[in-house]
N, C-alpha and C. Protein backbone atom coordinates (compact mmCIF):
# COMPACT_ATOMS: atom_id res chain seq x y z
N MET A 1 -22.39 -13.90 -3.78
CA MET A 1 -22.70 -15.30 -3.65
C MET A 1 -21.74 -16.09 -4.52
N LEU A 2 -21.25 -17.20 -3.99
CA LEU A 2 -20.36 -18.09 -4.73
C LEU A 2 -21.03 -19.43 -4.92
N LYS A 3 -20.96 -19.97 -6.13
CA LYS A 3 -21.46 -21.30 -6.43
C LYS A 3 -20.34 -22.06 -7.12
N ARG A 4 -20.26 -23.35 -6.84
CA ARG A 4 -19.22 -24.18 -7.46
C ARG A 4 -19.84 -25.41 -8.10
N ARG A 5 -19.29 -25.80 -9.23
CA ARG A 5 -19.67 -27.08 -9.82
C ARG A 5 -18.45 -27.69 -10.50
N THR A 6 -18.33 -28.99 -10.37
CA THR A 6 -17.19 -29.71 -10.93
C THR A 6 -17.29 -29.79 -12.44
N VAL A 7 -16.16 -29.62 -13.09
CA VAL A 7 -16.07 -29.83 -14.54
C VAL A 7 -15.78 -31.31 -14.73
N GLN A 8 -16.76 -32.03 -15.28
CA GLN A 8 -16.67 -33.48 -15.43
C GLN A 8 -15.37 -33.92 -16.09
N GLY A 9 -14.71 -34.91 -15.48
CA GLY A 9 -13.50 -35.50 -16.05
C GLY A 9 -12.25 -34.65 -15.91
N THR A 10 -12.31 -33.61 -15.07
CA THR A 10 -11.14 -32.75 -14.89
C THR A 10 -10.89 -32.52 -13.40
N ASN A 11 -9.82 -31.85 -13.11
CA ASN A 11 -9.49 -31.45 -11.76
C ASN A 11 -9.79 -29.96 -11.59
N GLN A 12 -10.94 -29.54 -12.16
CA GLN A 12 -11.31 -28.13 -12.12
C GLN A 12 -12.75 -27.94 -11.67
N LEU A 13 -13.01 -26.72 -11.22
CA LEU A 13 -14.36 -26.30 -10.84
C LEU A 13 -14.73 -25.06 -11.63
N LYS A 14 -16.00 -24.93 -11.95
CA LYS A 14 -16.52 -23.66 -12.45
C LYS A 14 -17.10 -22.93 -11.24
N VAL A 15 -16.56 -21.77 -10.96
CA VAL A 15 -17.01 -20.97 -9.83
C VAL A 15 -17.81 -19.79 -10.38
N THR A 16 -19.05 -19.67 -9.91
CA THR A 16 -19.89 -18.55 -10.30
C THR A 16 -19.84 -17.50 -9.20
N PHE A 17 -19.47 -16.30 -9.57
CA PHE A 17 -19.44 -15.15 -8.69
C PHE A 17 -20.69 -14.34 -9.03
N ALA A 18 -21.59 -14.12 -8.08
CA ALA A 18 -22.86 -13.46 -8.39
C ALA A 18 -23.18 -12.37 -7.39
N LEU A 19 -23.79 -11.30 -7.90
CA LEU A 19 -24.29 -10.19 -7.09
C LEU A 19 -25.75 -9.93 -7.46
N ARG A 20 -26.52 -9.47 -6.50
CA ARG A 20 -27.91 -9.13 -6.78
C ARG A 20 -27.98 -7.96 -7.75
N ALA A 21 -28.95 -8.00 -8.64
CA ALA A 21 -29.07 -6.98 -9.68
C ALA A 21 -29.33 -5.58 -9.11
N ASP A 22 -29.84 -5.50 -7.88
CA ASP A 22 -30.09 -4.18 -7.30
C ASP A 22 -28.89 -3.60 -6.55
N ASP A 23 -27.74 -4.25 -6.65
CA ASP A 23 -26.52 -3.74 -6.01
C ASP A 23 -26.11 -2.44 -6.70
N SER A 24 -25.98 -1.37 -5.96
CA SER A 24 -25.70 -0.05 -6.53
C SER A 24 -24.30 0.06 -7.13
N ARG A 25 -23.43 -0.92 -6.88
CA ARG A 25 -22.06 -0.86 -7.40
C ARG A 25 -21.92 -1.48 -8.79
N LEU A 26 -23.00 -2.01 -9.32
CA LEU A 26 -22.96 -2.63 -10.65
C LEU A 26 -23.00 -1.55 -11.73
N PRO A 27 -22.45 -1.80 -12.91
CA PRO A 27 -21.76 -3.02 -13.34
C PRO A 27 -20.39 -3.14 -12.69
N ALA A 28 -19.93 -4.40 -12.62
CA ALA A 28 -18.66 -4.70 -11.97
C ALA A 28 -18.00 -5.89 -12.66
N ALA A 29 -16.78 -6.18 -12.22
CA ALA A 29 -16.04 -7.35 -12.70
C ALA A 29 -15.49 -8.09 -11.50
N VAL A 30 -15.28 -9.39 -11.66
CA VAL A 30 -14.59 -10.15 -10.63
C VAL A 30 -13.11 -10.15 -11.03
N VAL A 31 -12.26 -9.79 -10.07
CA VAL A 31 -10.85 -9.57 -10.34
C VAL A 31 -10.04 -10.31 -9.27
N GLY A 32 -9.03 -11.07 -9.70
CA GLY A 32 -8.27 -11.82 -8.71
C GLY A 32 -7.01 -12.44 -9.25
N GLU A 33 -6.44 -13.30 -8.42
CA GLU A 33 -5.19 -13.98 -8.80
C GLU A 33 -5.38 -14.81 -10.07
N PHE A 34 -6.57 -15.32 -10.28
CA PHE A 34 -6.84 -16.19 -11.42
C PHE A 34 -6.88 -15.46 -12.75
N ASN A 35 -6.97 -14.13 -12.75
CA ASN A 35 -6.99 -13.39 -14.01
C ASN A 35 -6.01 -12.21 -14.02
N GLY A 36 -4.98 -12.32 -13.18
CA GLY A 36 -3.95 -11.29 -13.14
C GLY A 36 -4.44 -9.95 -12.64
N TRP A 37 -5.53 -9.96 -11.86
CA TRP A 37 -6.15 -8.75 -11.31
C TRP A 37 -6.55 -7.78 -12.42
N ASN A 38 -6.96 -8.34 -13.55
CA ASN A 38 -7.35 -7.54 -14.71
C ASN A 38 -8.88 -7.37 -14.74
N PRO A 39 -9.39 -6.15 -14.54
CA PRO A 39 -10.84 -5.94 -14.50
C PRO A 39 -11.53 -6.12 -15.85
N ASP A 40 -10.78 -6.22 -16.93
CA ASP A 40 -11.37 -6.45 -18.25
C ASP A 40 -11.55 -7.93 -18.56
N GLU A 41 -10.97 -8.79 -17.74
CA GLU A 41 -10.94 -10.23 -18.02
C GLU A 41 -12.26 -10.94 -17.74
N ASP A 42 -12.92 -10.65 -16.62
CA ASP A 42 -14.13 -11.37 -16.22
C ASP A 42 -15.23 -10.40 -15.78
N PRO A 43 -15.81 -9.66 -16.74
CA PRO A 43 -16.90 -8.75 -16.37
C PRO A 43 -18.15 -9.55 -15.99
N MET A 44 -18.91 -9.00 -15.07
CA MET A 44 -20.16 -9.63 -14.68
C MET A 44 -21.24 -9.19 -15.66
N ARG A 45 -22.14 -10.11 -15.96
CA ARG A 45 -23.21 -9.86 -16.92
C ARG A 45 -24.57 -10.05 -16.25
N PRO A 46 -25.58 -9.30 -16.67
CA PRO A 46 -26.91 -9.48 -16.09
C PRO A 46 -27.51 -10.82 -16.50
N ARG A 47 -28.20 -11.46 -15.56
CA ARG A 47 -28.85 -12.75 -15.80
C ARG A 47 -30.35 -12.62 -15.59
N SER A 48 -31.10 -13.53 -16.14
CA SER A 48 -32.57 -13.49 -16.04
C SER A 48 -33.06 -13.81 -14.63
N ASN A 49 -32.19 -14.36 -13.78
CA ASN A 49 -32.60 -14.72 -12.41
C ASN A 49 -32.44 -13.57 -11.41
N GLY A 50 -32.18 -12.36 -11.89
CA GLY A 50 -32.08 -11.21 -11.00
C GLY A 50 -30.70 -11.00 -10.40
N THR A 51 -29.68 -11.58 -11.02
CA THR A 51 -28.31 -11.38 -10.56
C THR A 51 -27.44 -10.90 -11.72
N TRP A 52 -26.26 -10.46 -11.36
CA TRP A 52 -25.17 -10.25 -12.31
C TRP A 52 -24.12 -11.27 -11.93
N SER A 53 -23.51 -11.94 -12.90
CA SER A 53 -22.53 -12.97 -12.55
C SER A 53 -21.44 -13.12 -13.59
N ALA A 54 -20.36 -13.76 -13.16
CA ALA A 54 -19.26 -14.17 -14.02
C ALA A 54 -18.87 -15.57 -13.58
N VAL A 55 -18.52 -16.42 -14.53
CA VAL A 55 -18.11 -17.79 -14.24
C VAL A 55 -16.65 -17.93 -14.60
N VAL A 56 -15.87 -18.47 -13.65
CA VAL A 56 -14.43 -18.64 -13.84
C VAL A 56 -14.09 -20.10 -13.57
N THR A 57 -13.28 -20.72 -14.43
CA THR A 57 -12.84 -22.09 -14.23
C THR A 57 -11.52 -22.07 -13.46
N LEU A 58 -11.50 -22.78 -12.33
CA LEU A 58 -10.34 -22.78 -11.43
C LEU A 58 -9.92 -24.21 -11.11
N ASP A 59 -8.62 -24.39 -10.81
CA ASP A 59 -8.12 -25.69 -10.39
C ASP A 59 -8.63 -26.04 -9.00
N LYS A 60 -8.97 -27.31 -8.79
CA LYS A 60 -9.41 -27.78 -7.47
C LYS A 60 -8.24 -27.81 -6.50
N GLY A 61 -8.57 -27.73 -5.21
CA GLY A 61 -7.57 -27.89 -4.16
C GLY A 61 -6.70 -26.68 -3.91
N ARG A 62 -7.17 -25.51 -4.31
CA ARG A 62 -6.40 -24.28 -4.13
C ARG A 62 -7.26 -23.22 -3.48
N SER A 63 -6.62 -22.15 -3.08
CA SER A 63 -7.35 -20.96 -2.65
C SER A 63 -6.88 -19.81 -3.53
N TYR A 64 -7.81 -18.92 -3.84
CA TYR A 64 -7.54 -17.79 -4.72
C TYR A 64 -8.06 -16.51 -4.06
N ARG A 65 -7.26 -15.47 -4.11
CA ARG A 65 -7.71 -14.15 -3.64
C ARG A 65 -8.47 -13.46 -4.76
N PHE A 66 -9.50 -12.70 -4.38
CA PHE A 66 -10.26 -11.95 -5.37
C PHE A 66 -10.98 -10.80 -4.71
N ARG A 67 -11.49 -9.90 -5.52
CA ARG A 67 -12.38 -8.81 -5.11
C ARG A 67 -13.25 -8.46 -6.31
N TYR A 68 -14.23 -7.63 -6.07
CA TYR A 68 -15.02 -7.07 -7.16
C TYR A 68 -14.54 -5.65 -7.40
N ARG A 69 -14.68 -5.20 -8.66
CA ARG A 69 -14.32 -3.83 -9.01
C ARG A 69 -15.43 -3.25 -9.87
N SER A 70 -15.99 -2.15 -9.40
CA SER A 70 -17.06 -1.49 -10.16
C SER A 70 -16.47 -0.74 -11.34
N GLU A 71 -17.33 -0.37 -12.26
CA GLU A 71 -16.90 0.36 -13.45
C GLU A 71 -16.24 1.68 -13.11
N ASP A 72 -16.63 2.29 -11.98
CA ASP A 72 -16.03 3.57 -11.60
C ASP A 72 -14.77 3.40 -10.75
N GLY A 73 -14.27 2.15 -10.63
CA GLY A 73 -13.00 1.90 -9.94
C GLY A 73 -13.11 1.57 -8.47
N GLN A 74 -14.30 1.43 -7.94
CA GLN A 74 -14.49 1.10 -6.52
C GLN A 74 -14.27 -0.41 -6.32
N TRP A 75 -13.41 -0.74 -5.34
CA TRP A 75 -13.17 -2.14 -4.98
C TRP A 75 -14.10 -2.51 -3.83
N PHE A 76 -14.66 -3.72 -3.88
CA PHE A 76 -15.51 -4.18 -2.78
C PHE A 76 -15.46 -5.70 -2.68
N ASN A 77 -15.89 -6.20 -1.53
CA ASN A 77 -15.74 -7.62 -1.22
C ASN A 77 -17.05 -8.39 -1.29
N GLU A 78 -16.89 -9.70 -1.39
CA GLU A 78 -18.00 -10.65 -1.37
C GLU A 78 -18.32 -10.99 0.09
N ASP A 79 -19.55 -10.75 0.51
CA ASP A 79 -19.95 -11.05 1.89
C ASP A 79 -19.88 -12.54 2.19
N GLY A 80 -20.08 -13.38 1.18
CA GLY A 80 -20.09 -14.83 1.39
C GLY A 80 -18.80 -15.53 1.00
N ALA A 81 -17.67 -14.82 1.05
CA ALA A 81 -16.39 -15.43 0.71
C ALA A 81 -16.02 -16.52 1.72
N ASP A 82 -15.14 -17.42 1.31
CA ASP A 82 -14.68 -18.50 2.20
C ASP A 82 -13.73 -17.98 3.27
N GLY A 83 -13.13 -16.84 3.03
CA GLY A 83 -12.22 -16.23 3.99
C GLY A 83 -11.79 -14.87 3.50
N TYR A 84 -10.96 -14.23 4.31
CA TYR A 84 -10.48 -12.88 3.99
C TYR A 84 -9.02 -12.78 4.43
N GLU A 85 -8.21 -12.07 3.64
CA GLU A 85 -6.80 -11.87 3.97
C GLU A 85 -6.41 -10.44 3.64
N GLY A 86 -5.58 -9.86 4.50
CA GLY A 86 -5.08 -8.52 4.24
C GLY A 86 -4.17 -8.51 3.03
N ASN A 87 -4.09 -7.35 2.38
CA ASN A 87 -3.20 -7.22 1.22
C ASN A 87 -2.24 -6.06 1.43
N GLU A 88 -1.36 -5.86 0.46
CA GLU A 88 -0.32 -4.85 0.58
C GLU A 88 -0.84 -3.42 0.43
N PHE A 89 -2.13 -3.25 0.15
CA PHE A 89 -2.74 -1.93 0.02
C PHE A 89 -3.53 -1.53 1.26
N ASN A 90 -3.29 -2.25 2.38
CA ASN A 90 -4.01 -2.02 3.63
C ASN A 90 -5.51 -2.19 3.46
N ALA A 91 -5.88 -3.11 2.60
CA ALA A 91 -7.29 -3.49 2.38
C ALA A 91 -7.39 -4.99 2.61
N THR A 92 -8.56 -5.53 2.40
CA THR A 92 -8.79 -6.96 2.61
C THR A 92 -9.27 -7.60 1.33
N ASP A 93 -8.61 -8.70 0.94
CA ASP A 93 -9.03 -9.50 -0.21
C ASP A 93 -9.94 -10.62 0.27
N CYS A 94 -10.84 -11.04 -0.59
CA CYS A 94 -11.67 -12.21 -0.35
C CYS A 94 -10.85 -13.44 -0.76
N VAL A 95 -11.24 -14.59 -0.22
CA VAL A 95 -10.62 -15.86 -0.59
C VAL A 95 -11.73 -16.83 -0.98
N VAL A 96 -11.54 -17.51 -2.11
CA VAL A 96 -12.40 -18.62 -2.52
C VAL A 96 -11.56 -19.88 -2.50
N MET A 97 -12.09 -20.94 -1.88
CA MET A 97 -11.42 -22.24 -1.81
C MET A 97 -12.06 -23.17 -2.83
N THR A 98 -11.23 -23.90 -3.53
CA THR A 98 -11.78 -24.80 -4.56
C THR A 98 -11.58 -26.26 -4.21
């Protein structure tokens, strides 16, 4: 699940990337163009609302490729992404539009 909210007085959005707490691939990280595809940069954390999430601040008016990566190295996609694009690894990246 993706949620967006504007950062007041800026040209940025806070994007929340969330997965249900019962997802068998957790713990995981959100990994993408915005963090150099580094799985240590934006780990997802458990929340009291029954999800795991990470919040990333992104510039408005752009699109960013991303995926999730589990602790055991499994890559997987967001079902509710704004779009999908093939990558050089013969897999599909998710796209979030800001």
